[in-house]
Amino acid sequence: MNVVGPIEDDVVDTELAVAPTTRGDNHDETTPTKSPLKKLFTLENRFLAPILITAILLGGQLSFGFLESWWQTLLAISVAIACELILGRVFVGKLPHLASAYISGISVGILIRSPFLWPFALCAVLSIMSKYVLRWQNRHLWNPSNFGVSAMLFLYPAAVASLSIQWGNTLWPMIVVWTLGSLIISRLKRFHICLTYVVSFVCLSAVRSMLTDSPFLANVAPLTGPMYQLFIFFMITDPRTTVSTKRGQCFVAFLVAAVEMLLRLNEVIHAPYYALFLVGPIALASELGWKKRMEARAELATGSEHRVEV
């Protein structure tokens, strides 16, 4: 894996929330100018997704008090932003857009459970550093918060847990998350990833139910938890760490669910995080390697044609 390289574009847009739909858009001069209010509430606004996930955080905390504390979440956000500023300056040579770091920090603050402060800071650092250090062919392979959360859960199981039942069984917070998440995902044209994963999870739950002789609904139930909503809408759909084709994205989503099922059959508690941690980078690296081989073959074929002409 590369440590350095021209990583400017790659590190600033990740974690889904930094809407990539603005990249490459052609705005001709005849396009009507939107009012400031309409601009604020369009999904081309790079701050809209951070605003939405902040609304989810505030709603969950003010209604159910699901955070360990405000200070731990604020620490995770602050460390993620500071780390992004420092590493962006060192590796890219300029200050990067901070929406991605904010999403990573707030995800860490929501998903990590610990009575201590240091896991939140360390997890935020690991998440941001993974974008700059763990790279393959000028791309970071892991979703930042998935890497950080998975590393913390694996390395410090005695001090760290993940978000679980802290939102209770009340339905309306889930409806809010589903609505906001679906709105963002549909606008980014990545709803097919969520749908494939959910359908796969339900079908594989039936398989687990048969294999373990356990109730089907008990196997499906985790899918309705708050942690899964963040995992589905804000983690497995990260544009910068998913493969490029729609069919490939659906296949990878199925593989994540399949590996998760195998991990659950082996009673691995944090199965979804680990499944994405394992499957996502392998899939992306495989695609990058395949594209590089195709480019090499094309260059070789072009060179052969030129030699024949000479």
C-alpha atoms as a PDB file:
ATOM      1  CA  MET A   1       0.000   0.000   0.000  1.00  0.00           C
ATOM      2  CA  ASN A   2       1.155   3.489  -0.787  1.00  0.00           C
ATOM      3  CA  VAL A   3       1.855   6.018   1.892  1.00  0.00           C
ATOM      4  CA  VAL A   4       2.152   9.078  -0.299  1.00  0.00           C
ATOM      5  CA  GLY A   5       0.741  10.168  -3.606  1.00  0.00           C
ATOM      6  CA  PRO A   6      -1.553  12.671  -5.298  1.00  0.00           C
ATOM      7  CA  ILE A   7      -4.471  12.012  -3.005  1.00  0.00           C
ATOM      8  CA  GLU A   8      -6.192  15.360  -3.129  1.00  0.00           C
ATOM      9  CA  ASP A   9      -9.551  14.414  -4.605  1.00  0.00           C
ATOM     10  CA  ASP A  10      -9.795  11.071  -2.886  1.00  0.00           C
ATOM     11  CA  VAL A  11      -9.494  12.118   0.707  1.00  0.00           C
ATOM     12  CA  VAL A  12     -11.911  15.002   0.704  1.00  0.00           C
ATOM     13  CA  ASP A  13     -15.018  13.182  -0.538  1.00  0.00           C
ATOM     14  CA  THR A  14     -15.971  10.114   1.420  1.00  0.00           C
ATOM     15  CA  GLU A  15     -18.474   8.790   3.973  1.00  0.00           C
ATOM     16  CA  LEU A  16     -21.406   9.243   1.599  1.00  0.00           C
ATOM     17  CA  ALA A  17     -22.375  12.475   3.224  1.00  0.00           C
ATOM     18  CA  VAL A  18     -20.114  14.616   1.093  1.00  0.00           C
ATOM     19  CA  ALA A  19     -22.436  14.529  -1.855  1.00  0.00           C
ATOM     20  CA  PRO A  20     -20.460  13.420  -4.898  1.00  0.00           C
ATOM     21  CA  THR A  21     -23.299  14.395  -7.170  1.00  0.00           C
ATOM     22  CA  THR A  22     -21.691  17.791  -7.522  1.00  0.00           C
ATOM     23  CA  ARG A  23     -18.586  16.245  -9.046  1.00  0.00           C
ATOM     24  CA  GLY A  24     -18.619  16.614 -12.772  1.00  0.00           C
ATOM     25  CA  ASP A  25     -21.960  18.381 -12.973  1.00  0.00           C
ATOM     26  CA  ASN A  26     -22.242  20.697 -15.937  1.00  0.00           C
ATOM     27  CA  HIS A  27     -23.819  23.982 -15.082  1.00  0.00           C
ATOM     28  CA  ASP A  28     -24.406  25.977 -18.215  1.00  0.00           C
ATOM     29  CA  GLU A  29     -25.189  29.633 -18.107  1.00  0.00           C
ATOM     30  CA  THR A  30     -28.837  29.046 -19.044  1.00  0.00           C
ATOM     31  CA  THR A  31     -29.553  27.092 -15.839  1.00  0.00           C
ATOM     32  CA  PRO A  32     -31.944  29.104 -13.661  1.00  0.00           C
ATOM     33  CA  THR A  33     -30.328  30.474 -10.521  1.00  0.00           C
ATOM     34  CA  LYS A  34     -31.745  28.959  -7.338  1.00  0.00           C
ATOM     35  CA  SER A  35     -32.635  31.063  -4.354  1.00  0.00           C
ATOM     36  CA  PRO A  36     -30.393  30.748  -1.269  1.00  0.00           C
ATOM     37  CA  LEU A  37     -33.181  28.860   0.551  1.00  0.00           C
ATOM     38  CA  LYS A  38     -33.563  26.335  -2.291  1.00  0.00           C
ATOM     39  CA  LYS A  39     -29.805  25.915  -2.498  1.00  0.00           C
ATOM     40  CA  LEU A  40     -29.694  25.130   1.228  1.00  0.00           C
ATOM     41  CA  PHE A  41     -32.179  22.290   0.892  1.00  0.00           C
ATOM     42  CA  THR A  42     -30.821  20.688  -2.259  1.00  0.00           C
ATOM     43  CA  LEU A  43     -28.721  17.572  -1.897  1.00  0.00           C
ATOM     44  CA  GLU A  44     -25.950  19.215  -3.910  1.00  0.00           C
ATOM     45  CA  ASN A  45     -25.298  21.157  -0.714  1.00  0.00           C
ATOM     46  CA  ARG A  46     -22.216  19.446   0.780  1.00  0.00           C
ATOM     47  CA  PHE A  47     -23.347  20.391   4.278  1.00  0.00           C
ATOM     48  CA  LEU A  48     -26.840  18.929   3.995  1.00  0.00           C
ATOM     49  CA  ALA A  49     -25.914  15.372   4.955  1.00  0.00           C
ATOM     50  CA  PRO A  50     -23.878  16.562   7.956  1.00  0.00           C
ATOM     51  CA  ILE A  51     -26.896  18.632   8.971  1.00  0.00           C
ATOM     52  CA  LEU A  52     -29.178  15.596   8.662  1.00  0.00           C
ATOM     53  CA  ILE A  53     -26.957  13.282  10.684  1.00  0.00           C
ATOM     54  CA  THR A  54     -26.637  16.047  13.278  1.00  0.00           C
ATOM     55  CA  ALA A  55     -30.442  16.156  13.436  1.00  0.00           C
ATOM     56  CA  ILE A  56     -30.462  12.389  14.008  1.00  0.00           C
ATOM     57  CA  LEU A  57     -27.909  12.787  16.771  1.00  0.00           C
ATOM     58  CA  LEU A  58     -29.812  15.587  18.477  1.00  0.00           C
ATOM     59  CA  GLY A  59     -33.150  13.792  18.153  1.00  0.00           C
ATOM     60  CA  GLY A  60     -31.790  10.572  19.592  1.00  0.00           C
ATOM     61  CA  GLN A  61     -29.935  12.229  22.425  1.00  0.00           C
ATOM     62  CA  LEU A  62     -32.656  14.677  23.457  1.00  0.00           C
ATOM     63  CA  SER A  63     -35.348  11.971  23.274  1.00  0.00           C
ATOM     64  CA  PHE A  64     -33.541   8.926  24.647  1.00  0.00           C
ATOM     65  CA  GLY A  65     -30.160  10.105  25.872  1.00  0.00           C
ATOM     66  CA  PHE A  66     -28.418   7.361  23.889  1.00  0.00           C
ATOM     67  CA  LEU A  67     -24.959   8.978  23.967  1.00  0.00           C
ATOM     68  CA  GLU A  68     -22.488   8.192  26.705  1.00  0.00           C
ATOM     69  CA  SER A  69     -22.021  11.961  27.019  1.00  0.00           C
ATOM     70  CA  TRP A  70     -21.945  15.069  24.879  1.00  0.00           C
ATOM     71  CA  TRP A  71     -18.274  15.549  25.675  1.00  0.00           C
ATOM     72  CA  GLN A  72     -17.233  12.209  24.239  1.00  0.00           C
ATOM     73  CA  THR A  73     -19.039  12.857  20.977  1.00  0.00           C
ATOM     74  CA  LEU A  74     -17.706  16.399  20.746  1.00  0.00           C
ATOM     75  CA  LEU A  75     -14.228  15.041  21.408  1.00  0.00           C
ATOM     76  CA  ALA A  76     -14.560  12.550  18.556  1.00  0.00           C
ATOM     77  CA  ILE A  77     -15.735  15.280  16.169  1.00  0.00           C
ATOM     78  CA  SER A  78     -13.017  17.705  17.248  1.00  0.00           C
ATOM     79  CA  VAL A  79     -10.237  15.138  16.944  1.00  0.00           C
ATOM     80  CA  ALA A  80     -11.476  13.973  13.532  1.00  0.00           C
ATOM     81  CA  ILE A  81     -11.535  17.544  12.197  1.00  0.00           C
ATOM     82  CA  ALA A  82      -8.129  18.393  13.698  1.00  0.00           C
ATOM     83  CA  CYS A  83      -6.623  15.208  12.275  1.00  0.00           C
ATOM     84  CA  GLU A  84      -8.109  15.955   8.846  1.00  0.00           C
ATOM     85  CA  LEU A  85      -6.704  19.481   8.886  1.00  0.00           C
ATOM     86  CA  ILE A  86      -3.212  18.324   9.850  1.00  0.00           C
ATOM     87  CA  LEU A  87      -3.021  15.348   7.494  1.00  0.00           C
ATOM     88  CA  GLY A  88      -4.614  17.271   4.641  1.00  0.00           C
ATOM     89  CA  ARG A  89      -2.021  19.990   5.006  1.00  0.00           C
ATOM     90  CA  VAL A  90       0.831  17.474   5.209  1.00  0.00           C
ATOM     91  CA  PHE A  91      -0.223  15.099   2.406  1.00  0.00           C
ATOM     92  CA  VAL A  92      -2.226  17.340   0.079  1.00  0.00           C
ATOM     93  CA  GLY A  93      -0.626  20.696   0.790  1.00  0.00           C
ATOM     94  CA  LYS A  94      -3.865  22.532   1.533  1.00  0.00           C
ATOM     95  CA  LEU A  95      -6.769  22.483   3.946  1.00  0.00           C
ATOM     96  CA  PRO A  96      -9.393  19.889   2.854  1.00  0.00           C
ATOM     97  CA  HIS A  97     -13.171  20.225   3.015  1.00  0.00           C
ATOM     98  CA  LEU A  98     -14.204  19.219   6.529  1.00  0.00           C
ATOM     99  CA  ALA A  99     -17.638  17.722   5.915  1.00  0.00           C
ATOM    100  CA  SER A 100     -16.181  14.232   5.573  1.00  0.00           C
ATOM    101  CA  ALA A 101     -14.207  14.546   8.812  1.00  0.00           C
ATOM    102  CA  TYR A 102     -17.307  15.813  10.592  1.00  0.00           C
ATOM    103  CA  ILE A 103     -19.304  12.796   9.402  1.00  0.00           C
ATOM    104  CA  SER A 104     -16.540  10.452  10.531  1.00  0.00           C
ATOM    105  CA  GLY A 105     -16.328  12.131  13.919  1.00  0.00           C
ATOM    106  CA  ILE A 106     -20.056  12.154  14.560  1.00  0.00           C
ATOM    107  CA  SER A 107     -20.319   8.513  13.397  1.00  0.00           C
ATOM    108  CA  VAL A 108     -17.630   7.555  15.901  1.00  0.00           C
ATOM    109  CA  GLY A 109     -19.424   9.543  18.600  1.00  0.00           C
ATOM    110  CA  ILE A 110     -22.683   7.693  17.918  1.00  0.00           C
ATOM    111  CA  LEU A 111     -21.416   4.169  17.265  1.00  0.00           C
ATOM    112  CA  ILE A 112     -18.730   3.815  19.939  1.00  0.00           C
ATOM    113  CA  ARG A 113     -19.775   3.066  23.518  1.00  0.00           C
ATOM    114  CA  SER A 114     -17.236   3.484  26.302  1.00  0.00           C
ATOM    115  CA  PRO A 115     -17.081   5.114  29.737  1.00  0.00           C
ATOM    116  CA  PHE A 116     -13.646   6.517  28.837  1.00  0.00           C
ATOM    117  CA  LEU A 117     -12.641   9.469  26.693  1.00  0.00           C
ATOM    118  CA  TRP A 118      -9.593   8.017  24.961  1.00  0.00           C
ATOM    119  CA  PRO A 119     -11.464   5.471  22.764  1.00  0.00           C
ATOM    120  CA  PHE A 120     -13.387   8.280  21.083  1.00  0.00           C
ATOM    121  CA  ALA A 121     -10.229  10.245  20.319  1.00  0.00           C
ATOM    122  CA  LEU A 122      -8.267   7.197  19.198  1.00  0.00           C
ATOM    123  CA  CYS A 123     -11.099   5.915  17.023  1.00  0.00           C
ATOM    124  CA  ALA A 124     -11.425   9.307  15.331  1.00  0.00           C
ATOM    125  CA  VAL A 125      -7.672   9.394  14.644  1.00  0.00           C
ATOM    126  CA  LEU A 126      -7.664   5.864  13.214  1.00  0.00           C
ATOM    127  CA  SER A 127     -10.643   6.665  11.004  1.00  0.00           C
ATOM    128  CA  ILE A 128      -9.091   9.760   9.438  1.00  0.00           C
ATOM    129  CA  MET A 129      -5.567   8.343   9.215  1.00  0.00           C
ATOM    130  CA  SER A 130      -6.824   5.306   7.335  1.00  0.00           C
ATOM    131  CA  LYS A 131      -7.757   7.569   4.409  1.00  0.00           C
ATOM    132  CA  TYR A 132      -4.233   8.924   4.079  1.00  0.00           C
ATOM    133  CA  VAL A 133      -2.070   5.945   5.013  1.00  0.00           C
ATOM    134  CA  LEU A 134      -3.829   2.740   3.918  1.00  0.00           C
ATOM    135  CA  ARG A 135      -4.008   3.233   0.170  1.00  0.00           C
ATOM    136  CA  TRP A 136      -3.960   1.086  -2.952  1.00  0.00           C
ATOM    137  CA  GLN A 137      -3.449   2.611  -6.385  1.00  0.00           C
ATOM    138  CA  ASN A 138      -4.106   6.078  -5.059  1.00  0.00           C
ATOM    139  CA  ARG A 139      -7.382   5.099  -3.347  1.00  0.00           C
ATOM    140  CA  HIS A 140      -8.187   4.491   0.273  1.00  0.00           C
ATOM    141  CA  LEU A 141      -9.972   1.170   0.583  1.00  0.00           C
ATOM    142  CA  TRP A 142     -11.825   1.293   3.883  1.00  0.00           C
ATOM    143  CA  ASN A 143     -14.768   3.412   4.844  1.00  0.00           C
ATOM    144  CA  PRO A 144     -13.066   5.617   7.476  1.00  0.00           C
ATOM    145  CA  SER A 145     -15.487   5.176  10.362  1.00  0.00           C
ATOM    146  CA  ASN A 146     -15.894   1.454   9.593  1.00  0.00           C
ATOM    147  CA  PHE A 147     -12.131   1.033   9.815  1.00  0.00           C
ATOM    148  CA  GLY A 148     -11.880   2.999  13.059  1.00  0.00           C
ATOM    149  CA  VAL A 149     -14.850   1.353  14.775  1.00  0.00           C
ATOM    150  CA  SER A 150     -13.806  -2.161  13.667  1.00  0.00           C
ATOM    151  CA  ALA A 151     -10.240  -1.592  14.881  1.00  0.00           C
ATOM    152  CA  MET A 152     -11.417  -0.359  18.269  1.00  0.00           C
ATOM    153  CA  LEU A 153     -13.906  -3.195  18.756  1.00  0.00           C
ATOM    154  CA  PHE A 154     -11.251  -5.770  17.826  1.00  0.00           C
ATOM    155  CA  LEU A 155      -8.310  -4.281  19.722  1.00  0.00           C
ATOM    156  CA  TYR A 156     -10.044  -3.012  22.879  1.00  0.00           C
ATOM    157  CA  PRO A 157     -13.101  -5.208  23.524  1.00  0.00           C
ATOM    158  CA  ALA A 158     -12.827  -4.671  27.283  1.00  0.00           C
ATOM    159  CA  ALA A 159     -13.122  -0.889  26.949  1.00  0.00           C
ATOM    160  CA  VAL A 160     -15.264  -0.403  23.828  1.00  0.00           C
ATOM    161  CA  ALA A 161     -18.691  -1.582  22.682  1.00  0.00           C
ATOM    162  CA  SER A 162     -20.928  -0.499  19.824  1.00  0.00           C
ATOM    163  CA  LEU A 163     -24.311   1.211  19.739  1.00  0.00           C
ATOM    164  CA  SER A 164     -27.038  -1.350  20.331  1.00  0.00           C
ATOM    165  CA  ILE A 165     -30.388  -0.926  22.055  1.00  0.00           C
ATOM    166  CA  GLN A 166     -29.955   2.629  23.315  1.00  0.00           C
ATOM    167  CA  TRP A 167     -32.883   3.858  21.213  1.00  0.00           C
ATOM    168  CA  GLY A 168     -35.249   1.337  22.759  1.00  0.00           C
ATOM    169  CA  ASN A 169     -38.159  -0.095  20.804  1.00  0.00           C
ATOM    170  CA  THR A 170     -39.850   3.153  19.873  1.00  0.00           C
ATOM    171  CA  LEU A 171     -40.711   3.255  16.204  1.00  0.00           C
ATOM    172  CA  TRP A 172     -40.710   6.955  15.367  1.00  0.00           C
ATOM    173  CA  PRO A 173     -36.923   7.522  15.602  1.00  0.00           C
ATOM    174  CA  MET A 174     -36.469   4.698  13.119  1.00  0.00           C
ATOM    175  CA  ILE A 175     -39.039   6.270  10.794  1.00  0.00           C
ATOM    176  CA  VAL A 176     -37.106   9.548  10.925  1.00  0.00           C
ATOM    177  CA  VAL A 177     -33.829   7.751  10.138  1.00  0.00           C
ATOM    178  CA  TRP A 178     -35.399   5.705   7.337  1.00  0.00           C
ATOM    179  CA  THR A 179     -36.938   8.827   5.811  1.00  0.00           C
ATOM    180  CA  LEU A 180     -33.821  10.965   5.959  1.00  0.00           C
ATOM    181  CA  GLY A 181     -31.526   8.130   4.951  1.00  0.00           C
ATOM    182  CA  SER A 182     -33.704   7.137   2.008  1.00  0.00           C
ATOM    183  CA  LEU A 183     -33.897  10.769   0.898  1.00  0.00           C
ATOM    184  CA  ILE A 184     -30.123  11.092   0.789  1.00  0.00           C
ATOM    185  CA  ILE A 185     -29.459   7.683  -0.694  1.00  0.00           C
ATOM    186  CA  SER A 186     -32.062   8.052  -3.427  1.00  0.00           C
ATOM    187  CA  ARG A 187     -30.653  11.452  -4.411  1.00  0.00           C
ATOM    188  CA  LEU A 188     -27.172   9.944  -4.616  1.00  0.00           C
ATOM    189  CA  LYS A 189     -28.539   7.032  -6.681  1.00  0.00           C
ATOM    190  CA  ARG A 190     -27.216   4.421  -4.263  1.00  0.00           C
ATOM    191  CA  PHE A 191     -30.467   3.110  -2.841  1.00  0.00           C
ATOM    192  CA  HIS A 192     -29.906  -0.152  -4.731  1.00  0.00           C
ATOM    193  CA  ILE A 193     -26.982  -0.899  -2.374  1.00  0.00           C
ATOM    194  CA  CYS A 194     -29.180  -0.509   0.695  1.00  0.00           C
ATOM    195  CA  LEU A 195     -32.002  -2.505  -0.854  1.00  0.00           C
ATOM    196  CA  THR A 196     -29.703  -5.363  -1.876  1.00  0.00           C
ATOM    197  CA  TYR A 197     -28.179  -5.536   1.575  1.00  0.00           C
ATOM    198  CA  VAL A 198     -31.560  -5.475   3.362  1.00  0.00           C
ATOM    199  CA  VAL A 199     -33.085  -8.137   1.101  1.00  0.00           C
ATOM    200  CA  SER A 200     -29.960 -10.285   1.456  1.00  0.00           C
ATOM    201  CA  PHE A 201     -29.991  -9.882   5.223  1.00  0.00           C
ATOM    202  CA  VAL A 202     -33.643 -10.958   5.459  1.00  0.00           C
ATOM    203  CA  CYS A 203     -33.131 -13.976   3.182  1.00  0.00           C
ATOM    204  CA  LEU A 204     -29.960 -15.030   4.988  1.00  0.00           C
ATOM    205  CA  SER A 205     -31.773 -14.619   8.295  1.00  0.00           C
ATOM    206  CA  ALA A 206     -34.116 -17.353   7.102  1.00  0.00           C
ATOM    207  CA  VAL A 207     -31.079 -19.510   6.367  1.00  0.00           C
ATOM    208  CA  ARG A 208     -29.650 -18.823   9.825  1.00  0.00           C
ATOM    209  CA  SER A 209     -33.012 -19.605  11.339  1.00  0.00           C
ATOM    210  CA  MET A 210     -33.040 -23.013   9.679  1.00  0.00           C
ATOM    211  CA  LEU A 211     -29.405 -23.771  10.494  1.00  0.00           C
ATOM    212  CA  THR A 212     -29.654 -22.772  14.144  1.00  0.00           C
ATOM    213  CA  ASP A 213     -33.285 -23.769  14.724  1.00  0.00           C
ATOM    214  CA  SER A 214     -34.003 -20.275  16.058  1.00  0.00           C
ATOM    215  CA  PRO A 215     -36.997 -17.974  15.385  1.00  0.00           C
ATOM    216  CA  PHE A 216     -36.850 -16.136  12.078  1.00  0.00           C
ATOM    217  CA  LEU A 217     -37.958 -12.831  13.591  1.00  0.00           C
ATOM    218  CA  ALA A 218     -35.197 -13.036  16.194  1.00  0.00           C
ATOM    219  CA  ASN A 219     -32.657 -13.261  13.385  1.00  0.00           C
ATOM    220  CA  VAL A 220     -34.192 -10.357  11.463  1.00  0.00           C
ATOM    221  CA  ALA A 221     -34.668  -8.113  14.496  1.00  0.00           C
ATOM    222  CA  PRO A 222     -31.147  -6.561  14.521  1.00  0.00           C
ATOM    223  CA  LEU A 223     -31.889  -4.987  11.154  1.00  0.00           C
ATOM    224  CA  THR A 224     -34.360  -2.599  12.825  1.00  0.00           C
ATOM    225  CA  GLY A 225     -31.844  -1.345  15.388  1.00  0.00           C
ATOM    226  CA  PRO A 226     -30.377   2.169  15.181  1.00  0.00           C
ATOM    227  CA  MET A 227     -26.845   0.925  14.605  1.00  0.00           C
ATOM    228  CA  TYR A 228     -27.946  -0.837  11.434  1.00  0.00           C
ATOM    229  CA  GLN A 229     -29.578   2.298  10.069  1.00  0.00           C
ATOM    230  CA  LEU A 230     -26.311   4.186  10.257  1.00  0.00           C
ATOM    231  CA  PHE A 231     -24.466   1.156   8.883  1.00  0.00           C
ATOM    232  CA  ILE A 232     -26.815   0.794   5.910  1.00  0.00           C
ATOM    233  CA  PHE A 233     -27.266   4.436   4.973  1.00  0.00           C
ATOM    234  CA  PHE A 234     -23.934   6.003   5.921  1.00  0.00           C
ATOM    235  CA  MET A 235     -21.339   3.216   5.757  1.00  0.00           C
ATOM    236  CA  ILE A 236     -21.838   0.550   3.095  1.00  0.00           C
ATOM    237  CA  THR A 237     -22.806   3.215   0.531  1.00  0.00           C
ATOM    238  CA  ASP A 238     -19.672   5.359   0.854  1.00  0.00           C
ATOM    239  CA  PRO A 239     -18.955   6.408  -2.770  1.00  0.00           C
ATOM    240  CA  ARG A 240     -15.199   6.466  -2.306  1.00  0.00           C
ATOM    241  CA  THR A 241     -14.905   2.928  -0.961  1.00  0.00           C
ATOM    242  CA  THR A 242     -17.382   1.049  -3.144  1.00  0.00           C
ATOM    243  CA  VAL A 243     -16.832  -0.446  -6.581  1.00  0.00           C
ATOM    244  CA  SER A 244     -17.849   1.578  -9.613  1.00  0.00           C
ATOM    245  CA  THR A 245     -20.566  -0.464 -11.346  1.00  0.00           C
ATOM    246  CA  LYS A 246     -24.137  -0.775 -10.126  1.00  0.00           C
ATOM    247  CA  ARG A 247     -24.106  -4.548 -10.562  1.00  0.00           C
ATOM    248  CA  GLY A 248     -20.805  -4.794  -8.703  1.00  0.00           C
ATOM    249  CA  GLN A 249     -22.138  -2.657  -5.861  1.00  0.00           C
ATOM    250  CA  CYS A 250     -25.136  -4.956  -5.465  1.00  0.00           C
ATOM    251  CA  PHE A 251     -22.898  -8.037  -5.520  1.00  0.00           C
ATOM    252  CA  VAL A 252     -20.605  -6.566  -2.864  1.00  0.00           C
ATOM    253  CA  ALA A 253     -23.613  -5.655  -0.706  1.00  0.00           C
ATOM    254  CA  PHE A 254     -24.735  -9.273  -0.926  1.00  0.00           C
ATOM    255  CA  LEU A 255     -21.232 -10.496  -0.050  1.00  0.00           C
ATOM    256  CA  VAL A 256     -21.172  -8.239   3.013  1.00  0.00           C
ATOM    257  CA  ALA A 257     -24.465  -9.741   4.170  1.00  0.00           C
ATOM    258  CA  ALA A 258     -23.212 -13.273   3.421  1.00  0.00           C
ATOM    259  CA  VAL A 259     -19.953 -12.831   5.335  1.00  0.00           C
ATOM    260  CA  GLU A 260     -21.919 -11.236   8.152  1.00  0.00           C
ATOM    261  CA  MET A 261     -24.118 -14.337   8.286  1.00  0.00           C
ATOM    262  CA  LEU A 262     -21.058 -16.586   8.543  1.00  0.00           C
ATOM    263  CA  LEU A 263     -19.650 -14.420  11.314  1.00  0.00           C
ATOM    264  CA  ARG A 264     -22.974 -14.501  13.150  1.00  0.00           C
ATOM    265  CA  LEU A 265     -23.093 -18.290  12.863  1.00  0.00           C
ATOM    266  CA  ASN A 266     -19.720 -18.249  14.622  1.00  0.00           C
ATOM    267  CA  GLU A 267     -21.156 -15.925  17.271  1.00  0.00           C
ATOM    268  CA  VAL A 268     -19.062 -12.897  16.331  1.00  0.00           C
ATOM    269  CA  ILE A 269     -20.761 -10.003  18.106  1.00  0.00           C
ATOM    270  CA  HIS A 270     -19.739  -7.155  15.814  1.00  0.00           C
ATOM    271  CA  ALA A 271     -20.411  -9.074  12.621  1.00  0.00           C
ATOM    272  CA  PRO A 272     -21.612  -6.221  10.340  1.00  0.00           C
ATOM    273  CA  TYR A 273     -18.591  -4.012  10.999  1.00  0.00           C
ATOM    274  CA  TYR A 274     -16.154  -6.876  10.472  1.00  0.00           C
ATOM    275  CA  ALA A 275     -17.959  -8.097   7.345  1.00  0.00           C
ATOM    276  CA  LEU A 276     -17.665  -4.697   5.666  1.00  0.00           C
ATOM    277  CA  PHE A 277     -14.095  -4.365   6.937  1.00  0.00           C
ATOM    278  CA  LEU A 278     -13.178  -7.622   5.172  1.00  0.00           C
ATOM    279  CA  VAL A 279     -15.274  -7.518   2.015  1.00  0.00           C
ATOM    280  CA  GLY A 280     -15.205  -3.842   1.030  1.00  0.00           C
ATOM    281  CA  PRO A 281     -11.424  -3.352   0.613  1.00  0.00           C
ATOM    282  CA  ILE A 282     -10.965  -6.703  -1.153  1.00  0.00           C
ATOM    283  CA  ALA A 283     -13.693  -5.863  -3.645  1.00  0.00           C
ATOM    284  CA  LEU A 284     -12.370  -2.376  -4.318  1.00  0.00           C
ATOM    285  CA  ALA A 285      -8.752  -3.553  -4.620  1.00  0.00           C
ATOM    286  CA  SER A 286      -9.837  -6.316  -7.014  1.00  0.00           C
ATOM    287  CA  GLU A 287     -11.626  -3.825  -9.223  1.00  0.00           C
ATOM    288  CA  LEU A 288      -8.692  -1.421  -9.212  1.00  0.00           C
ATOM    289  CA  GLY A 289      -6.318  -4.251 -10.111  1.00  0.00           C
ATOM    290  CA  TRP A 290      -8.596  -5.440 -12.921  1.00  0.00           C
ATOM    291  CA  LYS A 291      -8.850  -1.923 -14.361  1.00  0.00           C
ATOM    292  CA  LYS A 292      -5.087  -1.545 -14.254  1.00  0.00           C
ATOM    293  CA  ARG A 293      -4.618  -4.816 -16.150  1.00  0.00           C
ATOM    294  CA  MET A 294      -7.142  -3.726 -18.763  1.00  0.00           C
ATOM    295  CA  GLU A 295      -5.361  -0.394 -19.199  1.00  0.00           C
ATOM    296  CA  ALA A 296      -2.021  -2.193 -19.559  1.00  0.00           C
ATOM    297  CA  ARG A 297      -3.469  -4.511 -22.210  1.00  0.00           C
ATOM    298  CA  ALA A 298      -4.968  -1.566 -24.081  1.00  0.00           C
ATOM    299  CA  GLU A 299      -1.638   0.266 -24.048  1.00  0.00           C
ATOM    300  CA  LEU A 300       0.140  -2.887 -25.217  1.00  0.00           C
ATOM    301  CA  ALA A 301      -2.353  -3.350 -28.045  1.00  0.00           C
ATOM    302  CA  THR A 302      -1.993   0.306 -29.076  1.00  0.00           C
ATOM    303  CA  GLY A 303       1.806  -0.039 -29.060  1.00  0.00           C
ATOM    304  CA  SER A 304       1.618  -3.181 -31.237  1.00  0.00           C
ATOM    305  CA  GLU A 305      -0.571  -1.407 -33.783  1.00  0.00           C
ATOM    306  CA  HIS A 306       1.887   1.468 -33.988  1.00  0.00           C
ATOM    307  CA  ARG A 307       4.812  -0.912 -34.534  1.00  0.00           C
ATOM    308  CA  VAL A 308       2.933  -2.678 -37.327  1.00  0.00           C
ATOM    309  CA  GLU A 309       2.218   0.636 -39.032  1.00  0.00           C
ATOM    310  CA  VAL A 310       5.912   1.632 -38.843  1.00  0.00           C
END
